[in-house]
N, C-alpha and C. Protein backbone atom coordinates (compact mmCIF):
# COMPACT_ATOMS: atom_id res chain seq x y z
N MET A 1 26.72 -44.75 -99.96
CA MET A 1 26.23 -43.88 -98.61
C MET A 1 25.28 -43.09 -99.06
N PHE A 2 24.80 -43.13 -100.46
CA PHE A 2 23.74 -42.08 -100.24
C PHE A 2 22.02 -42.80 -100.36
N ASN A 3 22.57 -44.52 -100.80
CA ASN A 3 21.02 -45.26 -100.77
C ASN A 3 21.07 -45.75 -99.25
N ARG A 4 22.11 -45.30 -98.30
CA ARG A 4 22.05 -45.95 -97.01
C ARG A 4 20.92 -45.10 -96.48
N LYS A 5 21.42 -43.59 -96.91
CA LYS A 5 20.85 -42.45 -96.37
C LYS A 5 19.74 -42.52 -96.41
N LEU A 6 18.99 -43.08 -97.64
CA LEU A 6 17.54 -43.08 -98.08
C LEU A 6 16.99 -44.32 -97.15
N THR A 7 17.92 -44.99 -97.51
CA THR A 7 17.14 -46.10 -96.29
C THR A 7 16.84 -46.00 -95.23
N SER A 8 17.79 -45.24 -94.45
CA SER A 8 17.92 -45.01 -93.35
C SER A 8 16.39 -43.95 -92.80
N MET A 9 16.30 -42.70 -93.98
CA MET A 9 15.18 -41.90 -94.24
C MET A 9 13.91 -42.56 -94.15
N ASN A 10 13.87 -43.67 -94.83
CA ASN A 10 12.79 -44.54 -95.17
C ASN A 10 12.31 -45.06 -94.03
N LYS A 11 13.06 -45.56 -93.58
CA LYS A 11 12.98 -46.56 -92.44
C LYS A 11 11.94 -45.33 -91.08
N LEU A 12 12.99 -44.14 -91.05
CA LEU A 12 12.06 -43.50 -90.14
C LEU A 12 10.50 -43.21 -90.24
N LEU A 13 10.51 -42.91 -91.67
CA LEU A 13 9.45 -42.56 -92.21
C LEU A 13 8.20 -43.37 -91.84
N MET A 14 8.74 -44.80 -92.24
CA MET A 14 7.94 -45.81 -91.97
C MET A 14 7.46 -45.81 -90.48
N GLU A 15 8.38 -46.01 -89.55
CA GLU A 15 8.31 -45.54 -88.24
C GLU A 15 7.43 -44.92 -87.84
N GLU A 16 7.45 -43.41 -88.16
CA GLU A 16 6.99 -42.52 -87.54
C GLU A 16 4.93 -42.80 -88.55
N ASN A 17 4.93 -43.45 -89.62
CA ASN A 17 3.83 -43.67 -89.97
C ASN A 17 2.92 -44.07 -89.10
N ASP A 18 3.50 -46.04 -88.33
CA ASP A 18 3.06 -46.85 -88.34
C ASP A 18 2.48 -45.68 -86.57
N ARG A 19 3.27 -45.00 -85.89
CA ARG A 19 3.16 -44.37 -84.74
C ARG A 19 1.79 -43.47 -85.29
N LEU A 20 1.58 -43.12 -86.19
CA LEU A 20 1.02 -41.88 -86.38
C LEU A 20 -0.68 -42.96 -86.59
N GLN A 21 -0.47 -44.03 -87.40
CA GLN A 21 -1.58 -44.73 -87.63
C GLN A 21 -1.90 -45.36 -86.33
N LYS A 22 -1.06 -45.52 -85.26
CA LYS A 22 -1.84 -46.06 -83.84
C LYS A 22 -2.66 -45.06 -83.36
N GLN A 23 -1.56 -43.98 -83.40
CA GLN A 23 -2.40 -42.80 -82.90
C GLN A 23 -3.52 -41.82 -82.88
N LEU A 24 -4.01 -42.59 -84.30
CA LEU A 24 -5.02 -42.35 -85.14
C LEU A 24 -6.15 -43.37 -84.44
N SER A 25 -6.06 -44.63 -84.49
CA SER A 25 -6.55 -45.62 -83.95
C SER A 25 -7.05 -45.64 -82.86
N HIS A 26 -6.54 -44.84 -82.00
CA HIS A 26 -6.61 -44.33 -80.62
C HIS A 26 -7.32 -43.36 -80.62
N LEU A 27 -7.28 -42.76 -81.04
CA LEU A 27 -8.09 -41.34 -81.30
C LEU A 27 -9.65 -41.49 -81.80
N VAL A 28 -9.37 -42.61 -82.73
CA VAL A 28 -11.03 -42.91 -83.10
C VAL A 28 -11.44 -43.78 -82.72
N TYR A 29 -10.74 -44.54 -81.62
CA TYR A 29 -11.80 -45.66 -80.18
C TYR A 29 -12.21 -44.56 -79.14
N ASP A 30 -11.26 -43.49 -78.97
CA ASP A 30 -11.84 -42.59 -77.78
C ASP A 30 -12.70 -41.89 -78.14
N ASN A 31 -13.04 -41.28 -79.46
CA ASN A 31 -14.23 -40.85 -79.76
C ASN A 31 -15.14 -41.14 -79.78
N GLY A 32 -15.20 -42.49 -80.51
CA GLY A 32 -16.54 -43.54 -80.38
C GLY A 32 -17.12 -43.50 -78.87
N ARG A 33 -15.88 -44.05 -77.83
CA ARG A 33 -16.50 -44.00 -76.25
C ARG A 33 -17.01 -42.97 -75.94
N MET A 34 -15.81 -41.77 -76.45
CA MET A 34 -17.19 -40.53 -75.74
C MET A 34 -18.48 -40.21 -76.03
N HIS A 35 -18.56 -40.50 -77.57
CA HIS A 35 -19.67 -40.45 -77.99
C HIS A 35 -20.82 -41.34 -77.49
N GLN A 36 -20.33 -42.20 -76.89
CA GLN A 36 -21.10 -43.65 -76.60
C GLN A 36 -21.56 -43.14 -75.12
N GLN A 37 -20.76 -42.73 -74.86
CA GLN A 37 -21.02 -42.32 -72.80
C GLN A 37 -21.76 -40.73 -72.60
N LEU A 38 -21.96 -39.62 -73.78
CA LEU A 38 -22.86 -38.47 -73.77
C LEU A 38 -23.87 -39.14 -74.27
N GLN A 39 -24.16 -40.30 -75.60
CA GLN A 39 -25.09 -40.94 -75.44
C GLN A 39 -25.99 -41.42 -74.40
N ASN A 40 -25.11 -42.08 -73.36
CA ASN A 40 -25.76 -42.56 -72.45
C ASN A 40 -25.90 -41.63 -71.01
N VAL A 41 -25.36 -40.27 -70.97
CA VAL A 41 -25.79 -39.54 -70.31
C VAL A 41 -27.11 -39.11 -70.56
N SER A 42 -27.05 -38.90 -72.02
CA SER A 42 -28.07 -38.07 -72.63
C SER A 42 -29.76 -38.79 -71.79
N ALA A 43 -29.16 -40.44 -72.26
CA ALA A 43 -30.16 -41.09 -72.22
C ALA A 43 -31.06 -41.30 -70.64
N SER A 44 -29.72 -41.16 -69.97
CA SER A 44 -29.69 -41.26 -68.29
C SER A 44 -31.11 -39.97 -68.21
N LEU A 45 -30.18 -38.64 -68.32
CA LEU A 45 -31.21 -37.32 -68.10
C LEU A 45 -32.15 -37.74 -68.70
N TYR A 46 -32.46 -37.87 -69.67
CA TYR A 46 -34.09 -38.25 -70.03
C TYR A 46 -34.87 -39.08 -69.43
N SER A 47 -34.25 -39.95 -69.05
CA SER A 47 -35.17 -41.39 -67.72
C SER A 47 -35.13 -40.58 -66.34
N LEU A 48 -34.30 -40.14 -66.02
CA LEU A 48 -34.46 -38.86 -64.73
C LEU A 48 -35.52 -38.07 -64.88
N LEU A 49 -35.56 -37.08 -66.22
CA LEU A 49 -36.64 -36.24 -66.37
C LEU A 49 -38.29 -36.70 -66.30
N ALA A 50 -38.30 -38.20 -66.93
CA ALA A 50 -39.93 -38.97 -67.22
C ALA A 50 -39.87 -39.34 -65.64
N ILE A 51 -39.16 -39.85 -65.05
CA ILE A 51 -39.43 -40.31 -63.40
C ILE A 51 -39.43 -38.82 -62.69
N ALA A 52 -38.98 -37.34 -63.04
CA ALA A 52 -39.34 -36.39 -61.84
C ALA A 52 -40.76 -36.00 -62.57
N GLU A 53 -40.82 -36.00 -63.74
CA GLU A 53 -42.42 -35.58 -64.43
C GLU A 53 -43.79 -36.35 -63.66
N GLU A 54 -43.33 -37.63 -64.04
CA GLU A 54 -44.38 -39.22 -63.26
C GLU A 54 -44.78 -38.94 -61.75
N THR A 55 -43.77 -38.50 -60.97
CA THR A 55 -43.53 -38.71 -59.69
C THR A 55 -44.45 -37.09 -59.18
N LEU A 56 -44.28 -35.87 -59.68
CA LEU A 56 -44.71 -34.81 -59.70
C LEU A 56 -46.09 -34.93 -59.98
N ALA A 57 -46.53 -35.59 -61.01
CA ALA A 57 -48.13 -35.29 -61.59
C ALA A 57 -49.06 -36.17 -60.45
N LYS A 58 -48.63 -37.62 -60.30
CA LYS A 58 -48.33 -38.30 -58.91
C LYS A 58 -48.86 -37.32 -57.45
N PHE A 59 -47.52 -36.77 -57.12
CA PHE A 59 -47.81 -35.94 -56.22
C PHE A 59 -49.22 -34.57 -56.19
N LEU A 60 -49.07 -34.17 -57.75
CA LEU A 60 -49.91 -32.88 -57.45
C LEU A 60 -51.63 -33.42 -57.51
N ASP A 61 -51.63 -35.10 -58.21
CA ASP A 61 -53.20 -35.55 -57.71
C ASP A 61 -53.66 -35.63 -56.60
N LYS A 62 -52.23 -35.71 -55.74
CA LYS A 62 -52.78 -36.33 -54.22
C LYS A 62 -53.18 -35.20 -53.29
N ALA A 63 -51.97 -33.82 -53.58
CA ALA A 63 -51.84 -32.39 -52.92
C ALA A 63 -53.65 -31.82 -53.53
N THR A 64 -53.83 -31.72 -54.26
CA THR A 64 -55.08 -31.21 -55.41
C THR A 64 -55.98 -31.88 -55.20
N ARG A 65 -55.98 -32.93 -55.73
CA ARG A 65 -57.14 -33.30 -56.40
C ARG A 65 -57.38 -34.85 -55.72
N THR A 66 -57.74 -35.88 -56.48
CA THR A 66 -58.98 -37.08 -55.63
C THR A 66 -57.88 -38.45 -56.04
N ALA A 67 -56.28 -38.22 -55.92
CA ALA A 67 -55.73 -39.85 -56.35
C ALA A 67 -56.27 -40.22 -54.92
N VAL A 68 -55.92 -39.69 -53.87
CA VAL A 68 -55.95 -40.20 -52.68
C VAL A 68 -57.20 -39.84 -52.17
N LYS A 69 -58.21 -41.08 -51.17
CA LYS A 69 -59.03 -40.74 -50.52
C LYS A 69 -59.06 -40.02 -49.34
N TRP A 70 -59.35 -38.52 -48.73
CA TRP A 70 -58.95 -38.36 -47.59
C TRP A 70 -60.19 -38.14 -46.74
N VAL A 71 -59.73 -38.13 -45.38
CA VAL A 71 -60.39 -38.47 -44.00
C VAL A 71 -60.28 -36.83 -43.10
N GLN A 72 -60.40 -36.10 -43.17
CA GLN A 72 -60.31 -34.44 -42.18
C GLN A 72 -60.24 -35.19 -41.19
N MET A 73 -58.87 -34.83 -40.10
CA MET A 73 -59.49 -35.09 -38.46
C MET A 73 -59.46 -34.07 -38.33
N VAL A 74 -60.27 -33.97 -37.12
CA VAL A 74 -60.86 -33.38 -36.06
C VAL A 74 -60.52 -32.70 -34.88
N GLY A 75 -60.80 -31.46 -34.65
CA GLY A 75 -59.98 -31.14 -33.33
C GLY A 75 -58.96 -30.68 -33.17
N MET A 76 -58.49 -30.38 -34.01
CA MET A 76 -56.43 -30.03 -34.31
C MET A 76 -56.59 -28.54 -33.70
N LYS A 77 -55.66 -27.77 -32.78
CA LYS A 77 -55.48 -27.22 -32.22
C LYS A 77 -55.00 -26.07 -33.11
N PRO A 78 -55.66 -24.77 -33.20
CA PRO A 78 -54.49 -23.92 -34.04
C PRO A 78 -53.09 -23.47 -33.37
N GLY A 79 -52.31 -23.30 -34.26
CA GLY A 79 -50.58 -22.92 -33.65
C GLY A 79 -50.65 -21.92 -34.05
N PRO A 80 -49.48 -20.89 -34.04
CA PRO A 80 -48.77 -19.76 -33.96
C PRO A 80 -49.51 -18.86 -35.83
N ASP A 81 -49.70 -20.51 -36.67
CA ASP A 81 -49.94 -20.11 -37.87
C ASP A 81 -50.83 -20.93 -38.26
N SER A 82 -52.10 -20.29 -39.38
CA SER A 82 -53.30 -20.45 -39.49
C SER A 82 -53.24 -22.23 -40.66
N ILE A 83 -53.52 -23.46 -39.61
CA ILE A 83 -53.65 -24.59 -40.29
C ILE A 83 -55.04 -24.88 -41.17
N GLY A 84 -55.09 -24.70 -42.24
CA GLY A 84 -56.27 -25.30 -42.71
C GLY A 84 -57.24 -26.67 -42.63
N MET A 85 -56.06 -27.29 -43.11
CA MET A 85 -56.90 -28.93 -42.57
C MET A 85 -55.98 -29.87 -42.61
N VAL A 86 -56.26 -30.51 -41.79
CA VAL A 86 -55.50 -32.05 -41.58
C VAL A 86 -56.11 -33.10 -41.86
N SER A 87 -55.62 -33.86 -42.78
CA SER A 87 -56.27 -35.09 -44.08
C SER A 87 -55.24 -36.64 -43.27
N VAL A 88 -56.07 -37.24 -43.59
CA VAL A 88 -55.32 -38.83 -43.14
C VAL A 88 -56.12 -39.39 -44.37
N SER A 89 -55.16 -40.44 -45.23
CA SER A 89 -55.49 -40.92 -46.32
C SER A 89 -56.58 -42.48 -45.70
N HIS A 90 -57.28 -43.37 -46.63
CA HIS A 90 -58.42 -43.69 -46.42
C HIS A 90 -58.42 -44.93 -47.49
N SER A 91 -58.13 -46.13 -47.07
CA SER A 91 -58.63 -47.34 -48.01
C SER A 91 -57.53 -46.71 -49.34
N CYS A 92 -56.14 -46.69 -49.29
CA CYS A 92 -55.00 -46.37 -50.11
C CYS A 92 -54.07 -47.52 -49.78
N SER A 93 -53.10 -47.52 -50.81
CA SER A 93 -52.06 -48.07 -50.74
C SER A 93 -50.94 -47.24 -49.70
N GLY A 94 -50.29 -47.98 -48.70
CA GLY A 94 -49.61 -47.63 -47.55
C GLY A 94 -50.50 -46.60 -46.95
N ALA A 95 -50.01 -45.40 -45.92
CA ALA A 95 -50.22 -44.63 -45.31
C ALA A 95 -50.38 -43.51 -45.39
N ALA A 96 -51.16 -42.02 -45.59
CA ALA A 96 -50.71 -41.05 -46.16
C ALA A 96 -51.26 -40.12 -45.36
N ALA A 97 -50.77 -38.75 -45.10
CA ALA A 97 -51.40 -37.67 -44.47
C ALA A 97 -51.13 -36.41 -45.56
N ARG A 98 -52.05 -35.59 -44.98
CA ARG A 98 -51.87 -34.40 -46.01
C ARG A 98 -52.59 -33.23 -45.05
N ALA A 99 -51.49 -31.92 -45.44
CA ALA A 99 -51.95 -30.56 -44.42
C ALA A 99 -51.95 -29.22 -45.20
N TYR A 100 -52.78 -28.56 -45.15
CA TYR A 100 -52.69 -27.02 -45.71
C TYR A 100 -52.73 -25.97 -45.14
N GLY A 101 -52.20 -25.06 -45.26
CA GLY A 101 -52.35 -23.88 -44.53
C GLY A 101 -51.45 -22.49 -44.69
N LEU A 102 -52.05 -21.70 -44.61
CA LEU A 102 -51.24 -20.43 -44.48
C LEU A 102 -49.90 -20.05 -43.46
N VAL A 103 -48.79 -19.67 -44.15
CA VAL A 103 -47.40 -19.60 -42.40
C VAL A 103 -47.33 -18.13 -43.17
N ASN A 104 -46.73 -17.54 -42.51
CA ASN A 104 -46.69 -16.26 -42.20
C ASN A 104 -44.87 -15.95 -43.08
N LEU A 105 -44.75 -16.27 -43.71
CA LEU A 105 -43.38 -16.59 -44.47
C LEU A 105 -43.47 -16.46 -45.86
N GLU A 106 -42.37 -16.18 -46.61
CA GLU A 106 -42.90 -16.14 -48.21
C GLU A 106 -42.12 -17.41 -48.83
N PRO A 107 -42.60 -17.87 -49.76
CA PRO A 107 -42.09 -18.77 -50.36
C PRO A 107 -40.75 -19.60 -50.04
N PRO A 108 -39.87 -18.39 -50.88
CA PRO A 108 -37.98 -18.72 -50.75
C PRO A 108 -38.11 -19.40 -49.38
N LYS A 109 -38.24 -18.83 -48.72
CA LYS A 109 -37.64 -19.03 -47.02
C LYS A 109 -38.54 -20.24 -46.45
N VAL A 110 -39.41 -20.69 -46.94
CA VAL A 110 -40.30 -21.67 -46.74
C VAL A 110 -39.82 -22.87 -47.17
N MET A 111 -39.49 -22.52 -48.80
CA MET A 111 -38.95 -23.69 -49.46
C MET A 111 -37.33 -24.51 -48.81
N GLU A 112 -37.08 -23.23 -48.26
CA GLU A 112 -35.35 -23.15 -47.79
C GLU A 112 -35.14 -24.00 -46.43
N ILE A 113 -36.90 -23.58 -45.78
CA ILE A 113 -36.28 -24.50 -44.38
C ILE A 113 -36.79 -25.77 -44.48
N LEU A 114 -37.66 -26.36 -45.29
CA LEU A 114 -37.95 -27.49 -45.62
C LEU A 114 -37.19 -28.55 -46.03
N LYS A 115 -36.48 -27.95 -46.97
CA LYS A 115 -35.72 -28.45 -47.92
C LYS A 115 -34.28 -28.90 -46.62
N ASP A 116 -34.15 -28.15 -45.83
CA ASP A 116 -32.66 -28.42 -44.71
C ASP A 116 -33.53 -29.83 -43.87
N HIS A 117 -33.83 -30.74 -44.07
CA HIS A 117 -34.35 -31.61 -43.11
C HIS A 117 -33.45 -31.92 -41.73
N LEU A 118 -32.28 -31.73 -41.94
CA LEU A 118 -31.44 -32.15 -40.73
C LEU A 118 -30.95 -31.53 -39.66
N THR A 119 -31.61 -29.72 -39.71
CA THR A 119 -32.03 -28.92 -38.91
C THR A 119 -33.41 -29.21 -38.06
N TRP A 120 -34.04 -29.64 -38.39
CA TRP A 120 -35.47 -29.61 -37.59
C TRP A 120 -36.14 -31.19 -37.79
N TYR A 121 -35.52 -32.00 -38.24
CA TYR A 121 -36.30 -33.35 -38.50
C TYR A 121 -35.51 -34.22 -37.59
N ARG A 122 -36.22 -34.88 -36.71
CA ARG A 122 -34.84 -35.30 -35.50
C ARG A 122 -34.16 -36.73 -35.95
N ASP A 123 -35.97 -37.61 -36.96
CA ASP A 123 -35.72 -38.65 -37.48
C ASP A 123 -34.35 -39.00 -38.95
N CYS A 124 -34.27 -37.86 -39.50
CA CYS A 124 -33.42 -37.45 -40.81
C CYS A 124 -32.17 -37.89 -40.29
N ARG A 125 -31.66 -38.73 -40.62
CA ARG A 125 -30.27 -38.93 -40.24
C ARG A 125 -28.97 -39.05 -41.19
N SER A 126 -29.65 -38.93 -42.77
CA SER A 126 -28.97 -38.53 -44.15
C SER A 126 -29.43 -38.32 -44.86
N LEU A 127 -29.06 -36.82 -45.56
CA LEU A 127 -29.61 -36.34 -46.61
C LEU A 127 -28.20 -35.84 -47.98
N ASP A 128 -28.21 -36.76 -48.74
CA ASP A 128 -27.19 -35.86 -49.65
C ASP A 128 -27.92 -35.65 -51.20
N VAL A 129 -27.67 -34.48 -52.06
CA VAL A 129 -28.10 -34.39 -53.16
C VAL A 129 -27.29 -35.40 -54.25
N ARG A 130 -27.44 -36.28 -54.92
CA ARG A 130 -27.03 -37.41 -55.64
C ARG A 130 -27.22 -36.77 -57.07
N THR A 131 -28.02 -36.22 -57.42
CA THR A 131 -27.89 -35.41 -59.02
C THR A 131 -28.66 -34.13 -59.01
N ALA A 132 -28.13 -33.21 -59.97
CA ALA A 132 -29.01 -31.68 -59.89
C ALA A 132 -29.15 -31.73 -61.64
N PHE A 133 -30.14 -30.94 -62.39
CA PHE A 133 -29.69 -30.40 -63.36
C PHE A 133 -31.10 -29.52 -63.37
N THR A 134 -31.01 -28.73 -64.51
CA THR A 134 -31.71 -27.86 -65.16
C THR A 134 -32.91 -28.08 -65.77
N THR A 135 -34.08 -27.91 -66.18
CA THR A 135 -34.69 -28.31 -66.98
C THR A 135 -34.83 -27.23 -68.08
N ALA A 136 -35.63 -27.80 -69.65
CA ALA A 136 -35.79 -27.05 -70.29
C ALA A 136 -36.56 -25.42 -69.61
N LYS A 137 -37.08 -25.33 -68.91
CA LYS A 137 -38.38 -24.30 -68.60
C LYS A 137 -37.60 -23.18 -67.34
N GLY A 138 -36.27 -23.60 -67.20
CA GLY A 138 -35.64 -23.01 -65.97
C GLY A 138 -35.75 -23.64 -64.86
N GLY A 139 -36.71 -24.79 -64.62
CA GLY A 139 -36.98 -25.08 -63.22
C GLY A 139 -35.82 -25.93 -63.00
N ASN A 140 -35.69 -26.68 -61.49
CA ASN A 140 -34.49 -27.17 -61.48
C ASN A 140 -35.03 -28.47 -60.68
N ILE A 141 -34.11 -29.78 -60.50
CA ILE A 141 -34.84 -31.28 -60.49
C ILE A 141 -33.50 -31.08 -59.54
N GLU A 142 -33.68 -32.10 -58.11
CA GLU A 142 -32.57 -32.72 -57.35
C GLU A 142 -33.24 -34.32 -57.12
N PHE A 143 -32.51 -35.10 -57.33
CA PHE A 143 -32.46 -35.93 -56.80
C PHE A 143 -31.66 -36.60 -55.57
N LEU A 144 -32.83 -36.93 -54.58
CA LEU A 144 -31.88 -36.70 -53.04
C LEU A 144 -32.03 -38.09 -52.43
N TYR A 145 -30.98 -38.38 -52.07
CA TYR A 145 -30.74 -39.83 -51.06
C TYR A 145 -31.13 -39.34 -49.30
N MET A 146 -32.44 -39.65 -48.45
CA MET A 146 -32.56 -39.45 -47.62
C MET A 146 -32.95 -40.81 -46.62
N LEU A 147 -32.23 -40.79 -45.58
CA LEU A 147 -32.29 -41.95 -44.53
C LEU A 147 -32.92 -41.10 -43.23
N LYS A 148 -34.22 -41.81 -43.48
CA LYS A 148 -34.90 -41.89 -41.66
C LYS A 148 -35.35 -42.94 -41.07
N VAL A 149 -34.98 -42.55 -39.87
CA VAL A 149 -34.79 -43.56 -38.77
C VAL A 149 -35.87 -43.11 -37.56
N CYS A 150 -36.51 -43.79 -37.33
CA CYS A 150 -37.45 -43.52 -36.25
C CYS A 150 -36.93 -44.52 -34.96
N GLY A 151 -36.35 -44.43 -33.85
CA GLY A 151 -36.52 -45.26 -32.85
C GLY A 151 -37.43 -45.28 -32.10
N LYS A 152 -38.42 -44.52 -31.92
CA LYS A 152 -39.69 -44.40 -30.92
C LYS A 152 -41.05 -44.67 -31.45
N PHE A 153 -41.73 -44.86 -31.23
CA PHE A 153 -43.55 -44.36 -31.21
C PHE A 153 -44.09 -44.30 -30.30
N MET A 154 -45.04 -43.92 -30.63
CA MET A 154 -46.22 -42.94 -29.57
C MET A 154 -47.24 -44.03 -29.34
N THR A 155 -47.50 -44.46 -27.95
CA THR A 155 -48.65 -45.02 -27.92
C THR A 155 -50.29 -44.65 -27.70
N SER A 156 -50.93 -44.83 -27.32
CA SER A 156 -52.08 -44.65 -27.65
C SER A 156 -52.57 -43.19 -26.13
N THR A 157 -51.53 -43.55 -25.45
CA THR A 157 -51.71 -42.29 -24.36
C THR A 157 -50.75 -41.37 -24.54
N GLY A 158 -49.84 -41.12 -25.85
CA GLY A 158 -49.51 -39.78 -26.36
C GLY A 158 -47.67 -40.43 -25.74
N VAL A 159 -47.65 -41.16 -25.32
CA VAL A 159 -46.24 -41.84 -24.65
C VAL A 159 -45.40 -41.99 -25.47
N LEU A 160 -44.14 -41.23 -25.75
CA LEU A 160 -43.33 -41.58 -26.73
C LEU A 160 -42.31 -42.85 -25.83
N THR A 161 -42.11 -44.38 -26.78
CA THR A 161 -41.20 -45.03 -25.66
C THR A 161 -40.63 -45.77 -27.35
N GLY A 162 -39.74 -46.76 -26.53
CA GLY A 162 -38.77 -47.28 -27.31
C GLY A 162 -39.70 -48.71 -27.63
N PRO A 163 -38.92 -49.70 -28.84
CA PRO A 163 -39.43 -50.81 -29.73
C PRO A 163 -39.72 -51.95 -28.48
N THR A 164 -40.66 -52.45 -28.03
CA THR A 164 -40.53 -53.86 -27.76
C THR A 164 -40.13 -54.80 -28.30
N ASN A 165 -39.81 -55.14 -29.33
CA ASN A 165 -39.00 -56.19 -29.22
C ASN A 165 -38.14 -56.18 -30.67
N SER A 166 -38.09 -56.97 -31.37
CA SER A 166 -36.59 -56.94 -32.35
C SER A 166 -37.27 -56.50 -33.57
N ASN A 167 -38.34 -56.92 -33.86
CA ASN A 167 -38.69 -56.11 -35.61
C ASN A 167 -38.75 -54.43 -35.75
N PHE A 168 -38.30 -54.64 -36.34
CA PHE A 168 -38.68 -52.98 -37.56
C PHE A 168 -39.62 -52.96 -38.55
N ILE A 169 -39.88 -51.95 -39.06
CA ILE A 169 -39.77 -51.53 -40.50
C ILE A 169 -40.09 -50.67 -40.82
N ARG A 170 -39.60 -51.22 -42.32
CA ARG A 170 -38.75 -49.99 -43.43
C ARG A 170 -39.82 -50.02 -44.44
N ALA A 171 -39.96 -48.42 -45.11
CA ALA A 171 -40.64 -48.25 -45.52
C ALA A 171 -40.40 -47.79 -47.05
N GLU A 172 -41.18 -48.00 -48.18
CA GLU A 172 -40.78 -47.47 -49.33
C GLU A 172 -42.24 -45.86 -49.78
N MET A 173 -40.64 -44.94 -49.69
CA MET A 173 -41.33 -43.74 -50.06
C MET A 173 -42.32 -43.17 -51.64
N LEU A 174 -43.33 -42.55 -51.09
CA LEU A 174 -43.99 -42.50 -52.50
C LEU A 174 -44.07 -41.35 -53.04
N PRO A 175 -44.69 -40.88 -54.09
CA PRO A 175 -44.74 -39.42 -54.29
C PRO A 175 -45.61 -38.60 -52.99
N SER A 176 -44.34 -38.05 -52.71
CA SER A 176 -44.87 -36.60 -51.55
C SER A 176 -44.08 -35.23 -51.72
N GLY A 177 -44.70 -34.25 -50.97
CA GLY A 177 -43.67 -33.23 -50.91
C GLY A 177 -44.20 -31.88 -50.92
N TYR A 178 -44.20 -30.63 -50.75
CA TYR A 178 -44.36 -29.46 -50.82
C TYR A 178 -44.78 -28.82 -51.68
N LEU A 179 -45.89 -27.86 -51.94
CA LEU A 179 -46.50 -27.63 -53.06
C LEU A 179 -47.08 -25.85 -52.11
N ILE A 180 -46.14 -24.85 -52.74
CA ILE A 180 -46.17 -23.72 -51.78
C ILE A 180 -46.14 -22.50 -53.26
N TRP A 181 -46.96 -21.67 -52.91
CA TRP A 181 -47.09 -20.71 -53.62
C TRP A 181 -47.70 -19.11 -52.86
N ALA A 182 -46.94 -18.25 -53.35
CA ALA A 182 -47.10 -17.18 -52.63
C ALA A 182 -49.04 -16.12 -52.64
N CYS A 183 -48.98 -15.65 -51.13
CA CYS A 183 -50.25 -15.04 -51.20
C CYS A 183 -50.16 -13.93 -51.52
N GLU A 184 -51.50 -13.14 -52.05
CA GLU A 184 -51.79 -11.91 -52.01
C GLU A 184 -52.02 -11.59 -50.76
N GLY A 185 -50.82 -9.78 -50.26
CA GLY A 185 -50.37 -9.50 -49.42
C GLY A 185 -49.30 -10.01 -48.12
N GLY A 186 -48.50 -10.97 -48.49
CA GLY A 186 -47.46 -11.66 -48.24
C GLY A 186 -47.91 -13.06 -47.37
N GLY A 187 -46.64 -13.93 -47.08
CA GLY A 187 -47.47 -15.47 -46.27
C GLY A 187 -47.55 -16.02 -47.72
N ALA A 188 -47.34 -17.04 -47.57
CA ALA A 188 -47.39 -18.64 -48.26
C ALA A 188 -48.61 -19.90 -48.32
N MET A 189 -49.22 -20.05 -48.96
CA MET A 189 -49.55 -20.98 -48.85
C MET A 189 -49.28 -22.47 -49.33
N ILE A 190 -49.48 -23.73 -48.40
CA ILE A 190 -48.73 -24.78 -48.24
C ILE A 190 -49.65 -25.89 -48.37
N HIS A 191 -49.16 -26.66 -49.60
CA HIS A 191 -50.05 -27.93 -49.49
C HIS A 191 -48.48 -28.76 -48.38
N ILE A 192 -48.59 -30.13 -48.11
CA ILE A 192 -47.72 -31.24 -47.65
C ILE A 192 -48.59 -32.13 -47.68
N VAL A 193 -47.76 -33.08 -48.17
CA VAL A 193 -47.88 -34.31 -48.55
C VAL A 193 -47.28 -35.75 -48.06
N ASP A 194 -47.37 -36.60 -47.36
CA ASP A 194 -46.36 -37.19 -46.69
C ASP A 194 -47.07 -38.63 -46.92
N HIS A 195 -46.57 -39.96 -47.78
CA HIS A 195 -46.94 -40.85 -48.02
C HIS A 195 -46.36 -41.92 -48.28
N VAL A 196 -46.31 -43.22 -47.65
CA VAL A 196 -44.94 -43.96 -47.49
C VAL A 196 -45.89 -45.26 -47.19
N LYS A 197 -45.14 -46.59 -47.80
CA LYS A 197 -45.40 -47.90 -47.90
C LYS A 197 -44.61 -48.58 -46.78
N LEU A 198 -45.65 -48.98 -45.87
CA LEU A 198 -44.71 -50.15 -45.07
C LEU A 198 -44.55 -51.48 -44.81
N ASP A 199 -43.12 -51.36 -44.77
CA ASP A 199 -42.65 -53.38 -44.97
C ASP A 199 -42.63 -53.66 -43.74
N VAL A 200 -42.98 -54.40 -42.94
CA VAL A 200 -42.76 -55.53 -41.82
C VAL A 200 -41.41 -55.96 -41.72
N SER A 201 -40.17 -55.73 -41.72
CA SER A 201 -39.28 -57.10 -41.70
C SER A 201 -38.66 -57.32 -40.24
N PHE A 202 -37.88 -58.73 -40.49
CA PHE A 202 -37.70 -58.80 -39.03
C PHE A 202 -35.93 -59.61 -39.36
N PRO A 203 -35.17 -58.81 -38.58
CA PRO A 203 -33.63 -59.25 -38.77
C PRO A 203 -33.46 -60.49 -38.39
N ARG A 204 -32.40 -61.26 -39.38
CA ARG A 204 -31.87 -62.59 -38.98
C ARG A 204 -30.72 -62.92 -37.71
């Protein structure tokens, strides 16, 4: 009887040991997988940050320096705010426009309005924040998906009309954006750059 009890207890201990071994194996596997996922996330964030820094550098070159050869447009009528200058690109990849001037709003309000494309830009059909994170210097980076659809174009006489045939144009958005800073005495100075590379496509 005593030997039978020892045999039963030994069997139970062996079964419990097997269960713990399997549990340990699962924990080691899960730990390795989580470690790999964290490495992938870290690598992805590093790649996104590198893309953001490269895009910012290219945008600043266009907004404030000579990455694009700009031709100033003449005859611009003044609006309620002071428009300093409007220029279009010359002999560069794609088509680009740049404007800068003083607006009678504080920078945070300007940024809030410009980011909300859906409320003021009728050609913007979709705007989603795909991911966002904070940089080491305290800045915020957001990666947006934006869909713009323009169903009309302007003729040489300034009349908006619909397309006359079935072809349409896709455009790749090149580094563009807004550079805003506060002015002494109130208001904000803003640089706007819009740069696209057009690709004529024909639906089949």
